[in-house]
C-alpha atoms as a PDB file:
ATOM      1  CA  MET A   1       7.890 -21.392 -16.741  1.00  0.00           C
ATOM      2  CA  ILE A   2      10.755 -21.737 -19.248  1.00  0.00           C
ATOM      3  CA  GLU A   3       8.893 -19.757 -21.903  1.00  0.00           C
ATOM      4  CA  GLU A   4       9.079 -16.509 -19.929  1.00  0.00           C
ATOM      5  CA  LEU A   5      12.889 -16.724 -19.907  1.00  0.00           C
ATOM      6  CA  LEU A   6      13.403 -16.963 -23.673  1.00  0.00           C
ATOM      7  CA  PRO A   7      12.866 -14.798 -26.772  1.00  0.00           C
ATOM      8  CA  ALA A   8       9.544 -14.990 -28.607  1.00  0.00           C
ATOM      9  CA  SER A   9      11.174 -16.901 -31.477  1.00  0.00           C
ATOM     10  CA  VAL A  10      11.710 -19.916 -29.195  1.00  0.00           C
ATOM     11  CA  VAL A  11       9.003 -22.582 -28.891  1.00  0.00           C
ATOM     12  CA  THR A  12       8.805 -24.273 -25.500  1.00  0.00           C
ATOM     13  CA  VAL A  13       6.790 -27.272 -24.311  1.00  0.00           C
ATOM     14  CA  GLU A  14       6.629 -28.348 -20.676  1.00  0.00           C
ATOM     15  CA  ALA A  15       5.252 -31.395 -18.851  1.00  0.00           C
ATOM     16  CA  TYR A  16       4.484 -31.692 -15.148  1.00  0.00           C
ATOM     17  CA  GLY A  17       4.076 -34.880 -13.158  1.00  0.00           C
ATOM     18  CA  GLN A  18       3.178 -37.895 -15.301  1.00  0.00           C
ATOM     19  CA  ASP A  19       2.134 -35.920 -18.394  1.00  0.00           C
ATOM     20  CA  GLY A  20       3.439 -37.725 -21.481  1.00  0.00           C
ATOM     21  CA  ALA A  21       4.739 -40.727 -19.523  1.00  0.00           C
ATOM     22  CA  ASP A  22       3.031 -43.160 -21.931  1.00  0.00           C
ATOM     23  CA  THR A  23       4.566 -41.573 -25.039  1.00  0.00           C
ATOM     24  CA  PRO A  24       6.107 -44.283 -27.259  1.00  0.00           C
ATOM     25  CA  LEU A  25       9.741 -44.021 -28.265  1.00  0.00           C
ATOM     26  CA  TYR A  26      11.171 -44.557 -31.716  1.00  0.00           C
ATOM     27  CA  PRO A  27      12.917 -47.956 -31.996  1.00  0.00           C
ATOM     28  CA  GLU A  28      16.396 -46.443 -31.985  1.00  0.00           C
ATOM     29  CA  GLU A  29      15.531 -44.429 -28.865  1.00  0.00           C
ATOM     30  CA  ALA A  30      13.995 -47.453 -27.136  1.00  0.00           C
ATOM     31  CA  ALA A  31      17.187 -49.440 -27.825  1.00  0.00           C
ATOM     32  CA  LEU A  32      19.186 -46.874 -25.863  1.00  0.00           C
ATOM     33  CA  MET A  33      16.844 -47.271 -22.891  1.00  0.00           C
ATOM     34  CA  SER A  34      16.685 -51.074 -22.887  1.00  0.00           C
ATOM     35  CA  ARG A  35      18.691 -51.362 -19.662  1.00  0.00           C
ATOM     36  CA  ALA A  36      17.694 -48.075 -18.024  1.00  0.00           C
ATOM     37  CA  VAL A  37      15.708 -47.956 -14.795  1.00  0.00           C
ATOM     38  CA  ALA A  38      12.031 -46.995 -15.004  1.00  0.00           C
ATOM     39  CA  LYS A  39      12.556 -43.402 -13.818  1.00  0.00           C
ATOM     40  CA  ARG A  40      15.251 -42.774 -16.417  1.00  0.00           C
ATOM     41  CA  ARG A  41      13.123 -44.309 -19.209  1.00  0.00           C
ATOM     42  CA  ARG A  42      10.138 -42.183 -18.202  1.00  0.00           C
ATOM     43  CA  GLU A  43      12.111 -38.910 -18.166  1.00  0.00           C
ATOM     44  CA  PHE A  44      13.787 -39.809 -21.457  1.00  0.00           C
ATOM     45  CA  ALA A  45      10.375 -40.404 -23.069  1.00  0.00           C
ATOM     46  CA  VAL A  46       8.590 -37.386 -21.604  1.00  0.00           C
ATOM     47  CA  VAL A  47      11.262 -34.848 -22.497  1.00  0.00           C
ATOM     48  CA  ARG A  48      11.331 -36.198 -26.066  1.00  0.00           C
ATOM     49  CA  SER A  49       7.583 -35.933 -26.227  1.00  0.00           C
ATOM     50  CA  CYS A  50       7.970 -32.259 -25.320  1.00  0.00           C
ATOM     51  CA  ALA A  51      10.634 -31.807 -27.994  1.00  0.00           C
ATOM     52  CA  ARG A  52       8.539 -33.467 -30.714  1.00  0.00           C
ATOM     53  CA  ARG A  53       5.557 -31.273 -29.864  1.00  0.00           C
ATOM     54  CA  ALA A  54       7.861 -28.265 -30.170  1.00  0.00           C
ATOM     55  CA  MET A  55       9.015 -29.554 -33.585  1.00  0.00           C
ATOM     56  CA  GLU A  56       5.411 -29.731 -34.738  1.00  0.00           C
ATOM     57  CA  LYS A  57       4.831 -26.131 -33.645  1.00  0.00           C
ATOM     58  CA  LEU A  58       7.763 -25.132 -35.852  1.00  0.00           C
ATOM     59  CA  GLY A  59       6.391 -27.142 -38.783  1.00  0.00           C
ATOM     60  CA  VAL A  60       9.079 -29.843 -38.529  1.00  0.00           C
ATOM     61  CA  PRO A  61       7.972 -33.510 -38.703  1.00  0.00           C
ATOM     62  CA  PRO A  62       8.531 -35.322 -35.374  1.00  0.00           C
ATOM     63  CA  GLN A  63      11.553 -37.622 -35.458  1.00  0.00           C
ATOM     64  CA  PRO A  64      13.972 -39.468 -33.170  1.00  0.00           C
ATOM     65  CA  ILE A  65      16.182 -37.389 -30.889  1.00  0.00           C
ATOM     66  CA  LEU A  66      19.334 -39.348 -30.217  1.00  0.00           C
ATOM     67  CA  PRO A  67      22.079 -38.268 -27.825  1.00  0.00           C
ATOM     68  CA  GLY A  68      25.359 -37.426 -29.497  1.00  0.00           C
ATOM     69  CA  GLU A  69      28.727 -36.458 -28.082  1.00  0.00           C
ATOM     70  CA  ARG A  70      28.580 -35.895 -24.303  1.00  0.00           C
ATOM     71  CA  GLY A  71      24.861 -36.649 -24.438  1.00  0.00           C
ATOM     72  CA  ALA A  72      23.906 -33.512 -26.373  1.00  0.00           C
ATOM     73  CA  PRO A  73      20.625 -34.068 -28.264  1.00  0.00           C
ATOM     74  CA  GLY A  74      20.861 -34.377 -32.029  1.00  0.00           C
ATOM     75  CA  TRP A  75      18.397 -31.904 -33.531  1.00  0.00           C
ATOM     76  CA  PRO A  76      17.038 -31.900 -37.093  1.00  0.00           C
ATOM     77  CA  ALA A  77      18.918 -29.715 -39.556  1.00  0.00           C
ATOM     78  CA  GLY A  78      17.910 -26.076 -39.238  1.00  0.00           C
ATOM     79  CA  LEU A  79      16.957 -26.260 -35.558  1.00  0.00           C
ATOM     80  CA  ALA A  80      18.717 -25.445 -32.300  1.00  0.00           C
ATOM     81  CA  GLY A  81      17.393 -26.526 -28.961  1.00  0.00           C
ATOM     82  CA  SER A  82      17.792 -27.718 -25.416  1.00  0.00           C
ATOM     83  CA  MET A  83      16.020 -30.095 -23.039  1.00  0.00           C
ATOM     84  CA  THR A  84      15.863 -30.480 -19.275  1.00  0.00           C
ATOM     85  CA  HIS A  85      14.219 -32.732 -16.721  1.00  0.00           C
ATOM     86  CA  CYS A  86      14.079 -33.122 -12.964  1.00  0.00           C
ATOM     87  CA  ASP A  87      11.648 -34.751 -10.522  1.00  0.00           C
ATOM     88  CA  GLY A  88       8.127 -33.965 -11.741  1.00  0.00           C
ATOM     89  CA  TYR A  89       9.110 -31.663 -14.600  1.00  0.00           C
ATOM     90  CA  CYS A  90      10.373 -31.902 -18.180  1.00  0.00           C
ATOM     91  CA  ALA A  91      10.793 -29.202 -20.814  1.00  0.00           C
ATOM     92  CA  ALA A  92      12.135 -28.686 -24.315  1.00  0.00           C
ATOM     93  CA  ALA A  93      12.934 -25.435 -26.117  1.00  0.00           C
ATOM     94  CA  LEU A  94      13.447 -25.254 -29.878  1.00  0.00           C
ATOM     95  CA  VAL A  95      14.183 -22.437 -32.296  1.00  0.00           C
ATOM     96  CA  ARG A  96      15.060 -22.105 -35.948  1.00  0.00           C
ATOM     97  CA  ALA A  97      18.840 -21.901 -36.273  1.00  0.00           C
ATOM     98  CA  ALA A  98      18.421 -18.764 -38.380  1.00  0.00           C
ATOM     99  CA  ASP A  99      16.911 -16.994 -35.353  1.00  0.00           C
ATOM    100  CA  LEU A 100      19.399 -17.968 -32.624  1.00  0.00           C
ATOM    101  CA  ALA A 101      22.937 -19.324 -32.615  1.00  0.00           C
ATOM    102  CA  SER A 102      22.333 -21.527 -29.570  1.00  0.00           C
ATOM    103  CA  LEU A 103      20.274 -21.883 -26.421  1.00  0.00           C
ATOM    104  CA  GLY A 104      20.385 -23.763 -23.140  1.00  0.00           C
ATOM    105  CA  ILE A 105      17.746 -24.461 -20.505  1.00  0.00           C
ATOM    106  CA  ASP A 106      17.845 -26.147 -17.118  1.00  0.00           C
ATOM    107  CA  ALA A 107      15.367 -26.842 -14.318  1.00  0.00           C
ATOM    108  CA  GLU A 108      16.058 -28.128 -10.825  1.00  0.00           C
ATOM    109  CA  VAL A 109      14.018 -28.860  -7.738  1.00  0.00           C
ATOM    110  CA  HIS A 110      14.186 -25.641  -5.692  1.00  0.00           C
ATOM    111  CA  GLY A 111      16.107 -26.852  -2.677  1.00  0.00           C
ATOM    112  CA  PRO A 112      19.642 -26.521  -1.311  1.00  0.00           C
ATOM    113  CA  LEU A 113      22.492 -28.374  -2.954  1.00  0.00           C
ATOM    114  CA  PRO A 114      23.694 -31.474  -1.081  1.00  0.00           C
ATOM    115  CA  GLU A 115      26.315 -30.854   1.569  1.00  0.00           C
ATOM    116  CA  GLY A 116      29.772 -30.325   0.081  1.00  0.00           C
ATOM    117  CA  VAL A 117      28.657 -29.803  -3.526  1.00  0.00           C
ATOM    118  CA  LEU A 118      28.853 -26.003  -3.699  1.00  0.00           C
ATOM    119  CA  PRO A 119      32.683 -25.788  -3.299  1.00  0.00           C
ATOM    120  CA  SER A 120      33.106 -28.202  -6.218  1.00  0.00           C
ATOM    121  CA  VAL A 121      30.932 -26.166  -8.625  1.00  0.00           C
ATOM    122  CA  SER A 122      31.614 -22.566  -7.607  1.00  0.00           C
ATOM    123  CA  LEU A 123      34.462 -20.080  -7.676  1.00  0.00           C
ATOM    124  CA  PRO A 124      35.309 -18.131  -4.498  1.00  0.00           C
ATOM    125  CA  SER A 125      33.903 -14.973  -6.132  1.00  0.00           C
ATOM    126  CA  GLU A 126      30.622 -16.748  -6.844  1.00  0.00           C
ATOM    127  CA  ALA A 127      30.339 -18.136  -3.314  1.00  0.00           C
ATOM    128  CA  GLU A 128      30.825 -14.652  -1.875  1.00  0.00           C
ATOM    129  CA  ARG A 129      28.069 -13.259  -4.123  1.00  0.00           C
ATOM    130  CA  LEU A 130      25.746 -16.052  -3.037  1.00  0.00           C
ATOM    131  CA  ARG A 131      26.227 -15.051   0.594  1.00  0.00           C
ATOM    132  CA  ARG A 132      25.211 -11.477  -0.216  1.00  0.00           C
ATOM    133  CA  LEU A 133      22.193 -12.651  -2.229  1.00  0.00           C
ATOM    134  CA  ALA A 134      21.075 -14.911   0.612  1.00  0.00           C
ATOM    135  CA  ALA A 135      21.066 -11.926   2.945  1.00  0.00           C
ATOM    136  CA  GLN A 136      18.914  -9.971   0.479  1.00  0.00           C
ATOM    137  CA  ARG A 137      16.457 -12.735  -0.404  1.00  0.00           C
ATOM    138  CA  PRO A 138      16.688 -15.693   1.976  1.00  0.00           C
ATOM    139  CA  GLY A 139      13.738 -17.457   0.313  1.00  0.00           C
ATOM    140  CA  VAL A 140      15.788 -18.374  -2.767  1.00  0.00           C
ATOM    141  CA  HIS A 141      18.208 -21.315  -2.766  1.00  0.00           C
ATOM    142  CA  TRP A 142      20.959 -19.396  -4.524  1.00  0.00           C
ATOM    143  CA  ASP A 143      23.380 -22.320  -4.535  1.00  0.00           C
ATOM    144  CA  ARG A 144      20.909 -24.420  -6.551  1.00  0.00           C
ATOM    145  CA  LEU A 145      20.254 -21.465  -8.837  1.00  0.00           C
ATOM    146  CA  LEU A 146      23.981 -21.078  -9.509  1.00  0.00           C
ATOM    147  CA  PHE A 147      24.240 -24.778 -10.345  1.00  0.00           C
ATOM    148  CA  SER A 148      21.285 -24.504 -12.749  1.00  0.00           C
ATOM    149  CA  ALA A 149      22.742 -21.408 -14.413  1.00  0.00           C
ATOM    150  CA  LYS A 150      26.028 -23.245 -15.014  1.00  0.00           C
ATOM    151  CA  GLU A 151      24.092 -26.120 -16.595  1.00  0.00           C
ATOM    152  CA  SER A 152      22.277 -23.729 -18.954  1.00  0.00           C
ATOM    153  CA  VAL A 153      25.539 -22.016 -19.867  1.00  0.00           C
ATOM    154  CA  TYR A 154      27.142 -25.358 -20.712  1.00  0.00           C
ATOM    155  CA  LYS A 155      24.163 -26.431 -22.830  1.00  0.00           C
ATOM    156  CA  ALA A 156      24.417 -23.197 -24.837  1.00  0.00           C
ATOM    157  CA  TRP A 157      28.228 -23.428 -25.035  1.00  0.00           C
ATOM    158  CA  PHE A 158      28.623 -27.005 -26.260  1.00  0.00           C
ATOM    159  CA  PRO A 159      26.812 -26.763 -29.647  1.00  0.00           C
ATOM    160  CA  LEU A 160      28.969 -23.732 -30.480  1.00  0.00           C
ATOM    161  CA  THR A 161      32.293 -25.304 -29.510  1.00  0.00           C
ATOM    162  CA  GLY A 162      31.977 -29.087 -29.276  1.00  0.00           C
ATOM    163  CA  LYS A 163      34.094 -28.803 -26.135  1.00  0.00           C
ATOM    164  CA  TRP A 164      33.622 -29.412 -22.425  1.00  0.00           C
ATOM    165  CA  LEU A 165      33.222 -26.355 -20.181  1.00  0.00           C
ATOM    166  CA  ASP A 166      34.197 -26.942 -16.571  1.00  0.00           C
ATOM    167  CA  PHE A 167      32.197 -25.465 -13.687  1.00  0.00           C
ATOM    168  CA  MET A 168      35.219 -23.313 -12.864  1.00  0.00           C
ATOM    169  CA  GLU A 169      35.542 -21.905 -16.392  1.00  0.00           C
ATOM    170  CA  ALA A 170      32.563 -19.566 -16.184  1.00  0.00           C
ATOM    171  CA  ASP A 171      32.163 -16.925 -13.470  1.00  0.00           C
ATOM    172  CA  ILE A 172      28.450 -16.314 -12.986  1.00  0.00           C
ATOM    173  CA  GLU A 173      26.985 -13.207 -11.409  1.00  0.00           C
ATOM    174  CA  ILE A 174      23.299 -13.552 -10.505  1.00  0.00           C
ATOM    175  CA  PHE A 175      21.043 -10.514 -10.136  1.00  0.00           C
ATOM    176  CA  VAL A 176      17.897 -10.371  -7.999  1.00  0.00           C
ATOM    177  CA  ASP A 177      15.871  -9.033 -10.943  1.00  0.00           C
ATOM    178  CA  GLY A 178      15.942 -12.418 -12.719  1.00  0.00           C
ATOM    179  CA  ARG A 179      19.081 -12.014 -14.828  1.00  0.00           C
ATOM    180  CA  PHE A 180      22.535 -13.565 -14.705  1.00  0.00           C
ATOM    181  CA  ARG A 181      25.792 -12.997 -16.567  1.00  0.00           C
ATOM    182  CA  ALA A 182      28.366 -15.719 -17.187  1.00  0.00           C
ATOM    183  CA  ALA A 183      31.865 -14.385 -17.847  1.00  0.00           C
ATOM    184  CA  LEU A 184      33.835 -17.016 -19.766  1.00  0.00           C
ATOM    185  CA  LEU A 185      37.274 -17.661 -18.287  1.00  0.00           C
ATOM    186  CA  VAL A 186      38.444 -19.546 -21.389  1.00  0.00           C
ATOM    187  CA  PRO A 187      38.352 -18.414 -25.040  1.00  0.00           C
ATOM    188  CA  GLY A 188      34.730 -18.225 -26.126  1.00  0.00           C
ATOM    189  CA  PRO A 189      33.139 -19.377 -29.382  1.00  0.00           C
ATOM    190  CA  LEU A 190      33.046 -17.324 -32.541  1.00  0.00           C
ATOM    191  CA  VAL A 191      29.510 -16.099 -33.250  1.00  0.00           C
ATOM    192  CA  GLY A 192      28.691 -13.619 -35.991  1.00  0.00           C
ATOM    193  CA  GLY A 193      32.376 -12.982 -36.598  1.00  0.00           C
ATOM    194  CA  SER A 194      33.090 -12.048 -32.967  1.00  0.00           C
ATOM    195  CA  ARG A 195      34.471 -14.116 -30.110  1.00  0.00           C
ATOM    196  CA  LEU A 196      32.079 -14.195 -27.176  1.00  0.00           C
ATOM    197  CA  ASP A 197      33.473 -13.459 -23.737  1.00  0.00           C
ATOM    198  CA  HIS A 198      30.229 -13.926 -21.820  1.00  0.00           C
ATOM    199  CA  PHE A 199      26.677 -15.283 -21.968  1.00  0.00           C
ATOM    200  CA  GLU A 200      23.549 -13.538 -20.697  1.00  0.00           C
ATOM    201  CA  GLY A 201      20.801 -15.540 -19.027  1.00  0.00           C
ATOM    202  CA  ARG A 202      17.576 -15.318 -17.078  1.00  0.00           C
ATOM    203  CA  TRP A 203      16.140 -17.230 -14.120  1.00  0.00           C
ATOM    204  CA  THR A 204      12.893 -17.776 -12.248  1.00  0.00           C
ATOM    205  CA  THR A 205      11.425 -19.846  -9.432  1.00  0.00           C
ATOM    206  CA  SER A 206       7.929 -21.323  -9.521  1.00  0.00           C
ATOM    207  CA  ARG A 207       5.994 -24.400  -8.364  1.00  0.00           C
ATOM    208  CA  GLY A 208       8.889 -25.684  -6.267  1.00  0.00           C
ATOM    209  CA  LEU A 209      11.357 -25.423  -9.163  1.00  0.00           C
ATOM    210  CA  VAL A 210      14.152 -23.130 -10.240  1.00  0.00           C
ATOM    211  CA  ALA A 211      14.703 -22.633 -13.972  1.00  0.00           C
ATOM    212  CA  THR A 212      17.412 -20.907 -15.984  1.00  0.00           C
ATOM    213  CA  ALA A 213      17.885 -20.177 -19.667  1.00  0.00           C
ATOM    214  CA  VAL A 214      20.551 -18.787 -21.981  1.00  0.00           C
ATOM    215  CA  ALA A 215      19.849 -17.584 -25.533  1.00  0.00           C
ATOM    216  CA  VAL A 216      22.774 -16.719 -27.823  1.00  0.00           C
ATOM    217  CA  SER A 217      21.946 -14.442 -30.727  1.00  0.00           C
ATOM    218  CA  HIS A 218      23.813 -14.314 -34.032  1.00  0.00           C
ATOM    219  CA  ASP A 219      24.726 -10.695 -33.210  1.00  0.00           C
END
């Protein structure tokens, strides 16, 4: 599902249900999960299993993936990547840093956001667009899709800046053809000698999930 949203240079590995749940952790990873509940430990292990399989596909020896600042995964030198997990699904996407400047992926259960959440994660302009989209395609939970898109944007933003990006600092326009555009409302990162003012992304729904992805090229 994630693979279709990203350039061919990106390697993706997905796991559904309990796939990979018995994957052992490296000692330093296991230490981080010593007090975590079973669900959290399982998701932590499965998504890292996906990431290590992606490393192998890129010819990189599997190794620990430890969370760094703000929980961002620490990738081996020369790689860029992103991970996501939700109920029944985990995925990792990796690419050689020479091929992309950054990427972000997110998956969510395809259902409405909890009551009262949308106003805290959306701008008035975004909420108005969601109302129009709902009239066009009522079968899509556009509020959940917007939330997922903002997560993917943040995951692509953070490795380039090392800074937090608030939900209200990116204005996302979603298109029914599977694209979205995130206009940055704060100064963007420098990539390839130019300062970015927006990110481009893609989205899909499948198997009860909604998924989004952002790939940032060096150009």
